[in-house]
Amino acid sequence: MQAPHASAFRIEGSPNPLPTPITDPIHKAVFPYRVQGYWEGGEPVLLFEVHAQRQPLYAYAERACRLLFACYRLAHTRLGLEHSLRYGRTLRVFLMTEGKPGAEQQRNLLYLYDLHKRVPPREWVRELTHEYGHWIIPPINSFVEPEAWANGDLGERWFILHIFEAIRRGELEPAILMGASVEEMEAYLKRAYTPLVERIAREGLNPARWRSRQRAGYEEYLALALYADRLYGSERLGRAMRIAGGVEPDDFLNGLRESLLERETLTLNLPANPCWVLLPKGLKAWRLVAPSGARLTPDPKRPDWVRVQTPARTLTVRQRNGL
């Protein structure tokens, strides 16, 4: 598939009930309303089917379809990810008025429970981006808490960040947030994203936290992945995910190292001065290109981590075996 464009996305649906209601595969509940989202970059591809149990949820089904396509476009163009061919690239979403509050994802089925008009729009955004993260982002698991699989929380933070930034650049309309305000999303990021990235910038990867399978290790993985996105860019993060070769945190870390070593030259977007950066094999493998006055100090206990001091916003390094 070619890179999707917003203009190539088509929504089909009607607030009138379907002639034959849909029965979901797991709960066997009846869904009379449906919205379908197609990408039309060539042969139309059905990316999303959003089903609603009640007519008042139809408008939310349309909004959910648009939000999910915005997430798909980001994941596809920036991380190089795609919907699974195993399910014909179609994700089926069920908006239920029944069940306990929450959401879950199984195979290509995504369920949101206990939905009604009183659900705050920010929760729609958070739940949808979280569960879509479980669907499209390669998994890292083995954690005991807060949940075994961390790709949902990573997706939630990553998608909200990049949607927020796209709105600020004028590339997306605020309406994509399903009624949530830009200010609410900014407050979410200050709470759920910024502290993680700032900690890695300030300390680098903490080996004790990284080895934990409790919340500390879970959050250290999130922090490293989000920091890699900030520092090296989404392309390197996506490449690390795709070549990780396993579902353990160390598999992702190895994938990140390999992803960085694939580039002869790296330009890093520095979030602070000073800050810690991961350079695989350390300074013996890299030399400074710019700015000339930057100070790079290796950590003797963590050979891959280097402390960077420079007021510049970017740092360019080149592998020593390069040109």
Protein backbone atom coordinates (compact mmCIF):
# COMPACT_ATOMS: atom_id res chain seq x y z
CA MET A 1 0.00 0.00 0.00
CA GLN A 2 1.13 3.54 -0.74
CA ALA A 3 1.20 6.21 1.96
CA PRO A 4 -2.40 7.21 2.83
CA HIS A 5 -3.65 10.76 2.50
CA ALA A 6 -6.62 12.23 4.36
CA SER A 7 -8.33 13.06 1.06
CA ALA A 8 -8.24 9.37 0.13
CA PHE A 9 -10.22 8.31 3.19
CA ARG A 10 -13.93 7.66 2.65
CA ILE A 11 -16.59 7.01 5.28
CA GLU A 12 -19.80 5.13 4.54
CA GLY A 13 -22.69 4.78 6.93
CA SER A 14 -26.19 5.87 7.83
CA PRO A 15 -27.91 6.79 11.10
CA ASN A 16 -30.71 4.47 9.98
CA PRO A 17 -30.51 0.85 11.17
CA LEU A 18 -29.03 -1.79 8.89
CA PRO A 19 -31.51 -4.06 7.09
CA THR A 20 -29.78 -6.97 8.80
CA PRO A 21 -28.09 -6.08 12.13
CA ILE A 22 -24.56 -7.33 12.80
CA THR A 23 -23.91 -9.86 15.59
CA ASP A 24 -20.45 -9.52 17.14
CA PRO A 25 -18.24 -12.65 17.25
CA ILE A 26 -17.55 -12.74 21.02
CA HIS A 27 -20.55 -11.50 23.00
CA LYS A 28 -23.18 -12.24 20.34
CA ALA A 29 -24.67 -8.79 20.91
CA VAL A 30 -26.70 -7.11 18.17
CA PHE A 31 -25.41 -3.97 16.42
CA PRO A 32 -27.94 -2.26 14.08
CA TYR A 33 -25.65 0.67 13.15
CA ARG A 34 -22.37 0.64 11.25
CA VAL A 35 -19.79 3.06 9.86
CA GLN A 36 -17.11 1.86 7.43
CA GLY A 37 -13.84 3.64 6.70
CA TYR A 38 -12.07 2.99 3.40
CA TRP A 39 -8.68 4.05 2.13
CA GLU A 40 -8.92 4.77 -1.61
CA GLY A 41 -5.32 5.13 -2.69
CA GLY A 42 -6.03 2.64 -5.47
CA GLU A 43 -8.19 -0.40 -4.93
CA PRO A 44 -10.42 0.54 -1.93
CA VAL A 45 -9.28 -1.09 1.31
CA LEU A 46 -11.69 -1.41 4.22
CA LEU A 47 -9.58 -0.34 7.21
CA PHE A 48 -12.26 0.17 9.85
CA GLU A 49 -15.76 -1.03 10.66
CA VAL A 50 -17.28 0.73 13.67
CA HIS A 51 -20.50 -0.79 15.00
CA ALA A 52 -22.93 0.83 17.44
CA GLN A 53 -25.58 -0.85 19.58
CA ARG A 54 -27.80 2.22 19.89
CA GLN A 55 -28.72 5.03 17.48
CA PRO A 56 -27.38 7.83 19.77
CA LEU A 57 -23.92 6.25 19.40
CA TYR A 58 -23.95 6.52 15.61
CA ALA A 59 -22.38 10.00 15.65
CA TYR A 60 -19.65 8.66 17.93
CA ALA A 61 -19.05 5.80 15.51
CA GLU A 62 -18.36 8.33 12.73
CA ARG A 63 -16.02 10.33 14.95
CA ALA A 64 -14.24 7.17 16.11
CA CYS A 65 -13.70 6.14 12.49
CA ARG A 66 -12.09 9.49 11.67
CA LEU A 67 -9.88 9.43 14.77
CA LEU A 68 -8.74 5.89 14.04
CA PHE A 69 -7.84 6.79 10.47
CA ALA A 70 -5.75 9.71 11.74
CA CYS A 71 -3.95 7.22 13.99
CA TYR A 72 -3.50 4.76 11.13
CA ARG A 73 -2.06 7.45 8.89
CA LEU A 74 0.48 8.40 11.56
CA ALA A 75 1.47 4.80 12.26
CA HIS A 76 1.75 3.99 8.56
CA THR A 77 3.67 7.05 7.39
CA ARG A 78 5.90 7.64 10.42
CA LEU A 79 6.45 4.19 11.94
CA GLY A 80 6.07 2.09 8.79
CA LEU A 81 3.33 -0.04 10.36
CA GLU A 82 0.36 -1.66 8.63
CA HIS A 83 -2.85 -3.47 9.50
CA SER A 84 -2.52 -7.23 9.52
CA LEU A 85 -3.17 -9.02 6.23
CA ARG A 86 -4.45 -11.94 8.27
CA TYR A 87 -7.68 -10.01 8.78
CA GLY A 88 -7.80 -8.34 5.38
CA ARG A 89 -6.43 -5.16 7.05
CA THR A 90 -9.84 -4.56 8.65
CA LEU A 91 -10.21 -3.60 12.31
CA ARG A 92 -13.74 -4.07 13.67
CA VAL A 93 -14.79 -1.80 16.53
CA PHE A 94 -17.86 -2.41 18.69
CA LEU A 95 -19.35 0.44 20.74
CA MET A 96 -21.39 -1.23 23.47
CA THR A 97 -23.84 0.25 25.96
CA GLU A 98 -23.50 -2.92 28.04
CA GLY A 99 -20.68 -4.32 30.18
CA LYS A 100 -18.33 -2.85 32.75
CA PRO A 101 -16.56 0.42 31.86
CA GLY A 102 -13.39 -0.19 29.90
CA ALA A 103 -12.15 -1.64 26.65
CA GLU A 104 -10.37 -4.66 25.21
CA GLN A 105 -8.82 -5.84 21.97
CA GLN A 106 -8.80 -9.43 20.68
CA ARG A 107 -7.54 -10.37 17.23
CA ASN A 108 -9.00 -7.68 14.92
CA LEU A 109 -11.87 -6.94 17.32
CA LEU A 110 -11.89 -3.86 19.54
CA TYR A 111 -14.59 -3.40 22.18
CA LEU A 112 -15.53 -0.32 24.18
CA TYR A 113 -18.03 -1.02 26.99
CA ASP A 114 -20.65 0.92 28.96
CA LEU A 115 -20.76 3.80 26.49
CA HIS A 116 -23.20 6.68 26.67
CA LYS A 117 -23.27 10.39 25.96
CA ARG A 118 -21.96 11.21 29.42
CA VAL A 119 -18.55 9.63 28.73
CA PRO A 120 -16.06 12.56 28.60
CA PRO A 121 -14.66 13.09 25.08
CA ARG A 122 -11.09 12.85 26.42
CA GLU A 123 -11.89 9.27 27.55
CA TRP A 124 -13.08 8.37 24.06
CA VAL A 125 -9.74 9.58 22.70
CA ARG A 126 -7.71 7.81 25.37
CA GLU A 127 -9.53 4.46 25.10
CA LEU A 128 -9.51 4.39 21.31
CA THR A 129 -5.83 5.27 20.97
CA HIS A 130 -4.93 2.78 23.72
CA GLU A 131 -6.74 -0.15 22.15
CA TYR A 132 -5.60 0.79 18.65
CA GLY A 133 -2.06 0.72 20.03
CA HIS A 134 -2.65 -2.89 21.06
CA TRP A 135 -3.77 -3.61 17.50
CA ILE A 136 -1.11 -1.96 15.33
CA ILE A 137 2.03 -1.40 17.47
CA PRO A 138 4.33 -4.44 17.80
CA PRO A 139 3.91 -5.91 21.29
CA ILE A 140 6.28 -5.87 24.22
CA ASN A 141 5.06 -7.90 27.17
CA SER A 142 6.05 -10.02 30.19
CA PHE A 143 5.03 -7.29 32.65
CA VAL A 144 3.07 -8.06 35.81
CA GLU A 145 1.55 -4.58 36.17
CA PRO A 146 -0.22 -2.40 35.22
CA GLU A 147 -0.87 -4.83 32.35
CA ALA A 148 1.10 -7.52 30.56
CA TRP A 149 1.25 -5.80 27.15
CA ALA A 150 2.71 -2.30 26.96
CA ASN A 151 1.86 -1.45 23.33
CA GLY A 152 -1.55 -0.05 24.30
CA ASP A 153 -0.12 2.52 26.69
CA LEU A 154 2.64 3.34 24.22
CA GLY A 155 0.09 3.85 21.45
CA GLU A 156 -2.08 6.02 23.67
CA ARG A 157 0.78 8.39 24.42
CA TRP A 158 2.36 8.31 20.97
CA PHE A 159 -0.86 8.88 19.02
CA ILE A 160 -2.13 11.66 21.28
CA LEU A 161 1.27 13.39 21.10
CA HIS A 162 1.45 13.34 17.32
CA ILE A 163 -2.22 14.25 16.83
CA PHE A 164 -1.76 17.15 19.24
CA GLU A 165 1.32 18.34 17.33
CA ALA A 166 -0.47 17.95 13.97
CA ILE A 167 -3.34 20.10 15.25
CA ARG A 168 -0.89 22.76 16.41
CA ARG A 169 0.73 22.77 12.95
CA GLY A 170 -2.68 23.09 11.28
CA GLU A 171 -2.47 19.67 9.64
CA LEU A 172 -5.48 18.30 11.52
CA GLU A 173 -8.64 20.00 12.73
CA PRO A 174 -9.39 19.95 16.49
CA ALA A 175 -12.65 18.15 15.66
CA ILE A 176 -10.57 14.96 15.26
CA LEU A 177 -10.51 14.83 19.10
CA MET A 178 -14.19 13.76 19.24
CA GLY A 179 -15.15 16.80 21.29
CA ALA A 180 -12.14 16.88 23.61
CA SER A 181 -10.27 20.16 23.71
CA VAL A 182 -6.70 20.74 22.62
CA GLU A 183 -6.05 22.01 26.15
CA GLU A 184 -7.23 18.70 27.64
CA MET A 185 -4.85 16.79 25.40
CA GLU A 186 -2.01 19.12 26.33
CA ALA A 187 -2.76 18.52 30.02
CA TYR A 188 -2.77 14.75 29.35
CA LEU A 189 0.65 14.95 27.70
CA LYS A 190 2.11 16.97 30.57
CA ARG A 191 0.96 14.22 32.91
CA ALA A 192 1.51 11.02 30.91
CA TYR A 193 4.25 11.82 28.39
CA THR A 194 6.53 14.66 29.48
CA PRO A 195 7.72 13.19 32.83
CA LEU A 196 8.81 9.95 31.16
CA VAL A 197 10.82 11.66 28.43
CA GLU A 198 12.35 14.13 30.85
CA ARG A 199 13.49 11.33 33.15
CA ILE A 200 15.36 9.46 30.41
CA ALA A 201 16.91 12.72 29.22
CA ARG A 202 18.03 13.50 32.77
CA GLU A 203 19.18 10.01 33.82
CA GLY A 204 19.46 7.76 30.79
CA LEU A 205 18.18 4.20 31.00
CA ASN A 206 18.07 2.88 34.57
CA PRO A 207 19.23 -0.79 34.51
CA ALA A 208 17.39 -1.72 37.73
CA ARG A 209 14.12 -0.24 36.51
CA TRP A 210 14.60 -1.80 33.08
CA ARG A 211 14.93 -5.31 34.55
CA SER A 212 11.79 -4.95 36.65
CA ARG A 213 8.58 -6.56 35.46
CA GLN A 214 6.55 -4.40 37.81
CA ARG A 215 5.26 -0.91 37.01
CA ALA A 216 8.80 0.54 37.17
CA GLY A 217 9.97 -1.61 34.24
CA TYR A 218 6.75 -1.05 32.32
CA GLU A 219 7.19 2.72 32.56
CA GLU A 220 10.91 2.50 31.75
CA TYR A 221 10.04 0.79 28.47
CA LEU A 222 7.46 3.47 27.67
CA ALA A 223 9.97 6.16 28.58
CA LEU A 224 12.71 4.73 26.35
CA ALA A 225 10.40 4.26 23.35
CA LEU A 226 8.95 7.76 23.65
CA TYR A 227 12.42 9.24 24.21
CA ALA A 228 13.71 7.44 21.10
CA ASP A 229 10.85 8.96 19.13
CA ARG A 230 11.73 12.42 20.46
CA LEU A 231 15.50 12.07 20.10
CA TYR A 232 15.98 10.13 16.87
CA GLY A 233 12.60 10.54 15.17
CA SER A 234 9.65 8.27 14.49
CA GLU A 235 11.33 6.52 11.55
CA ARG A 236 14.06 5.09 13.81
CA LEU A 237 11.49 4.14 16.46
CA GLY A 238 9.35 2.33 13.91
CA ARG A 239 12.38 0.54 12.47
CA ALA A 240 13.38 -0.58 15.98
CA MET A 241 9.91 -2.00 16.54
CA ARG A 242 9.90 -3.88 13.26
CA ILE A 243 13.31 -5.52 13.69
CA ALA A 244 13.07 -6.26 17.43
CA GLY A 245 12.54 -9.97 16.70
CA GLY A 246 10.76 -10.72 19.99
CA VAL A 247 8.40 -9.42 22.65
CA GLU A 248 10.79 -8.86 25.56
CA PRO A 249 11.95 -5.35 26.49
CA ASP A 250 15.54 -6.33 25.65
CA ASP A 251 14.37 -7.30 22.16
CA PHE A 252 13.17 -3.74 21.64
CA LEU A 253 16.40 -2.32 23.07
CA ASN A 254 18.43 -4.47 20.68
CA GLY A 255 16.17 -3.40 17.83
CA LEU A 256 16.76 0.23 18.74
CA ARG A 257 20.54 -0.28 18.75
CA GLU A 258 20.41 -1.97 15.34
CA SER A 259 18.14 0.75 14.00
CA LEU A 260 20.63 3.45 14.97
CA LEU A 261 23.62 1.53 13.61
CA GLU A 262 21.92 1.31 10.22
CA ARG A 263 22.56 5.04 9.75
CA GLU A 264 26.04 6.33 9.05
CA THR A 265 25.00 9.76 10.33
CA LEU A 266 22.49 10.57 13.05
CA THR A 267 20.99 13.96 13.86
CA LEU A 268 19.56 14.00 17.37
CA ASN A 269 16.83 16.39 18.52
CA LEU A 270 18.06 17.26 22.00
CA PRO A 271 15.28 17.82 24.58
CA ALA A 272 17.50 19.34 27.28
CA ASN A 273 20.99 20.58 28.11
CA PRO A 274 22.62 18.47 29.38
CA CYS A 275 20.96 15.18 28.42
CA TRP A 276 21.80 11.51 28.04
CA VAL A 277 21.71 9.84 24.62
CA LEU A 278 22.04 6.24 23.51
CA LEU A 279 24.87 5.73 20.99
CA PRO A 280 25.35 2.00 20.30
CA LYS A 281 28.94 0.91 21.06
CA GLY A 282 29.60 4.29 22.64
CA LEU A 283 32.01 7.01 21.56
CA LYS A 284 34.51 4.50 20.22
CA ALA A 285 32.05 4.00 17.34
CA TRP A 286 30.90 7.60 16.81
CA ARG A 287 32.51 11.00 16.26
CA LEU A 288 31.03 14.46 16.64
CA VAL A 289 30.09 16.36 13.47
CA ALA A 290 28.19 19.36 14.84
CA PRO A 291 28.06 21.57 16.76
CA SER A 292 31.80 21.77 17.22
CA GLY A 293 31.60 22.99 20.82
CA ALA A 294 29.44 20.14 22.11
CA ARG A 295 30.87 18.09 24.98
CA LEU A 296 30.27 14.33 24.92
CA THR A 297 31.08 12.33 28.05
CA PRO A 298 30.72 8.52 28.14
CA ASP A 299 29.26 6.74 31.13
CA PRO A 300 31.80 4.11 32.37
CA LYS A 301 29.01 1.90 33.74
CA ARG A 302 26.72 2.11 30.70
CA PRO A 303 28.96 1.95 27.60
CA ASP A 304 26.16 2.86 25.18
CA TRP A 305 25.12 6.02 27.03
CA VAL A 306 26.74 9.41 26.50
CA ARG A 307 26.10 12.68 28.32
CA VAL A 308 25.74 15.58 25.90
CA GLN A 309 26.30 19.19 26.90
CA THR A 310 25.50 21.87 24.33
CA PRO A 311 23.06 24.77 24.07
CA ALA A 312 22.30 23.69 20.49
CA ARG A 313 18.95 22.03 19.80
CA THR A 314 20.44 19.33 17.58
CA LEU A 315 23.54 17.16 17.60
CA THR A 316 24.98 15.38 14.57
CA VAL A 317 27.27 12.36 14.94
CA ARG A 318 28.80 9.99 12.41
CA GLN A 319 30.01 6.42 12.73
CA ARG A 320 33.81 6.33 12.82
CA ASN A 321 33.98 3.71 10.10
CA GLY A 322 31.95 6.04 7.85
CA LEU A 323 33.21 8.63 5.42
